[in-house]
C-alpha atoms as a PDB file:
ATOM      1  CA  MET A   1       0.000   0.000   0.000  1.00  0.00           C
ATOM      2  CA  THR A   2       2.936   2.359   0.577  1.00  0.00           C
ATOM      3  CA  LYS A   3       3.524   2.312  -3.183  1.00  0.00           C
ATOM      4  CA  PHE A   4       0.194   4.082  -3.627  1.00  0.00           C
ATOM      5  CA  LEU A   5      -0.133   6.014  -0.354  1.00  0.00           C
ATOM      6  CA  LYS A   6       3.286   7.551   0.160  1.00  0.00           C
ATOM      7  CA  HIS A   7       2.566   9.329   3.441  1.00  0.00           C
ATOM      8  CA  PRO A   8       0.203   8.394   6.270  1.00  0.00           C
ATOM      9  CA  ASP A   9      -2.532  10.784   7.333  1.00  0.00           C
ATOM     10  CA  SER A  10      -1.534  10.392  10.950  1.00  0.00           C
ATOM     11  CA  VAL A  11       1.148   8.738  13.052  1.00  0.00           C
ATOM     12  CA  LYS A  12       0.319   7.570  16.576  1.00  0.00           C
ATOM     13  CA  PRO A  13       2.334   5.774  19.254  1.00  0.00           C
ATOM     14  CA  ASN A  14       1.786   2.037  19.402  1.00  0.00           C
ATOM     15  CA  PRO A  15      -0.678   1.459  22.278  1.00  0.00           C
ATOM     16  CA  MET A  16       0.441  -2.140  22.875  1.00  0.00           C
ATOM     17  CA  PHE A  17       4.210  -1.718  23.027  1.00  0.00           C
ATOM     18  CA  LYS A  18       5.831   1.591  23.892  1.00  0.00           C
ATOM     19  CA  SER A  19       9.125   0.654  22.213  1.00  0.00           C
ATOM     20  CA  ALA A  20       7.476  -0.540  18.967  1.00  0.00           C
ATOM     21  CA  ALA A  21       7.366   1.544  15.820  1.00  0.00           C
ATOM     22  CA  PRO A  22       4.578   4.106  15.714  1.00  0.00           C
ATOM     23  CA  MET A  23       1.381   3.203  13.863  1.00  0.00           C
ATOM     24  CA  LYS A  24       0.807   4.774  10.459  1.00  0.00           C
ATOM     25  CA  LEU A  25      -2.869   5.588   9.975  1.00  0.00           C
ATOM     26  CA  TYR A  26      -4.648   6.243   6.684  1.00  0.00           C
ATOM     27  CA  LEU A  27      -8.073   7.702   5.966  1.00  0.00           C
ATOM     28  CA  LEU A  28     -10.521   5.072   4.745  1.00  0.00           C
ATOM     29  CA  GLU A  29     -11.543   7.251   1.806  1.00  0.00           C
ATOM     30  CA  ARG A  30      -7.955   7.371   0.549  1.00  0.00           C
ATOM     31  CA  ILE A  31      -7.585   3.601   0.855  1.00  0.00           C
ATOM     32  CA  GLU A  32     -10.842   2.973  -1.002  1.00  0.00           C
ATOM     33  CA  THR A  33      -9.820   5.373  -3.776  1.00  0.00           C
ATOM     34  CA  VAL A  34      -6.536   3.528  -4.254  1.00  0.00           C
ATOM     35  CA  GLU A  35      -8.160   0.091  -4.106  1.00  0.00           C
ATOM     36  CA  ASN A  36     -10.628   1.103  -6.827  1.00  0.00           C
ATOM     37  CA  SER A  37      -7.937   2.426  -9.161  1.00  0.00           C
ATOM     38  CA  PRO A  38      -6.806   0.533 -12.302  1.00  0.00           C
ATOM     39  CA  GLU A  39      -3.181   0.804 -11.158  1.00  0.00           C
ATOM     40  CA  PHE A  40      -3.980  -1.035  -7.924  1.00  0.00           C
ATOM     41  CA  ALA A  41      -5.876  -3.722  -9.849  1.00  0.00           C
ATOM     42  CA  ALA A  42      -2.904  -4.224 -12.175  1.00  0.00           C
ATOM     43  CA  GLU A  43      -0.483  -4.453  -9.245  1.00  0.00           C
ATOM     44  CA  SER A  44      -2.779  -6.915  -7.470  1.00  0.00           C
ATOM     45  CA  GLU A  45      -2.834  -9.120 -10.568  1.00  0.00           C
ATOM     46  CA  LYS A  46       0.978  -9.054 -10.764  1.00  0.00           C
ATOM     47  CA  ILE A  47       1.177 -10.164  -7.144  1.00  0.00           C
ATOM     48  CA  ALA A  48      -1.383 -12.927  -7.704  1.00  0.00           C
ATOM     49  CA  SER A  49       0.567 -14.127 -10.750  1.00  0.00           C
ATOM     50  CA  ARG A  50       3.809 -14.285  -8.763  1.00  0.00           C
ATOM     51  CA  LYS A  51       2.041 -16.238  -6.008  1.00  0.00           C
ATOM     52  CA  ARG A  52       0.701 -18.734  -8.553  1.00  0.00           C
ATOM     53  CA  GLY A  53       4.193 -19.144  -9.996  1.00  0.00           C
ATOM     54  CA  ALA A  54       5.733 -19.674  -6.569  1.00  0.00           C
ATOM     55  CA  LYS A  55       3.072 -22.247  -5.680  1.00  0.00           C
ATOM     56  CA  LYS A  56       3.731 -24.125  -8.911  1.00  0.00           C
ATOM     57  CA  ALA A  57       7.484 -24.108  -8.221  1.00  0.00           C
ATOM     58  CA  VAL A  58       6.920 -25.560  -4.744  1.00  0.00           C
ATOM     59  CA  GLU A  59       4.669 -28.284  -6.153  1.00  0.00           C
ATOM     60  CA  THR A  60       7.314 -29.137  -8.763  1.00  0.00           C
ATOM     61  CA  LYS A  61      10.056 -29.378  -6.121  1.00  0.00           C
ATOM     62  CA  ARG A  62       7.884 -31.582  -3.911  1.00  0.00           C
ATOM     63  CA  GLY A  63       7.139 -33.877  -6.842  1.00  0.00           C
ATOM     64  CA  LYS A  64      10.812 -34.213  -7.710  1.00  0.00           C
ATOM     65  CA  THR A  65      11.683 -34.893  -4.078  1.00  0.00           C
ATOM     66  CA  ARG A  66       9.021 -37.623  -3.886  1.00  0.00           C
ATOM     67  CA  GLU A  67      10.377 -39.208  -7.070  1.00  0.00           C
ATOM     68  CA  MET A  68      13.894 -39.153  -5.675  1.00  0.00           C
ATOM     69  CA  VAL A  69      12.781 -40.730  -2.383  1.00  0.00           C
ATOM     70  CA  GLU A  70      10.793 -43.414  -4.225  1.00  0.00           C
ATOM     71  CA  LYS A  71      13.848 -44.268  -6.348  1.00  0.00           C
ATOM     72  CA  MET A  72      16.013 -44.463  -3.246  1.00  0.00           C
ATOM     73  CA  LEU A  73      13.519 -46.719  -1.462  1.00  0.00           C
ATOM     74  CA  ALA A  74      13.151 -48.952  -4.523  1.00  0.00           C
ATOM     75  CA  SER A  75      16.909 -49.496  -4.686  1.00  0.00           C
ATOM     76  CA  VAL A  76      17.102 -50.619  -1.034  1.00  0.00           C
END
């Protein structure tokens, strides 16, 4: 979200932990405007595409690992 909303509308101390970073607060109207923009939709699709690619890579690695284990067990 910081790509689209460069500066927060308000900064407040963290109420849970005094030593934690302050909270950055944004007006709901600004967030909704960004979320309804075509640029945000395009960025969201890029992120979703990367997630799909990462998931596919993990599935491929798991499959190859299973094959390797099965070959090792078959040779025992």
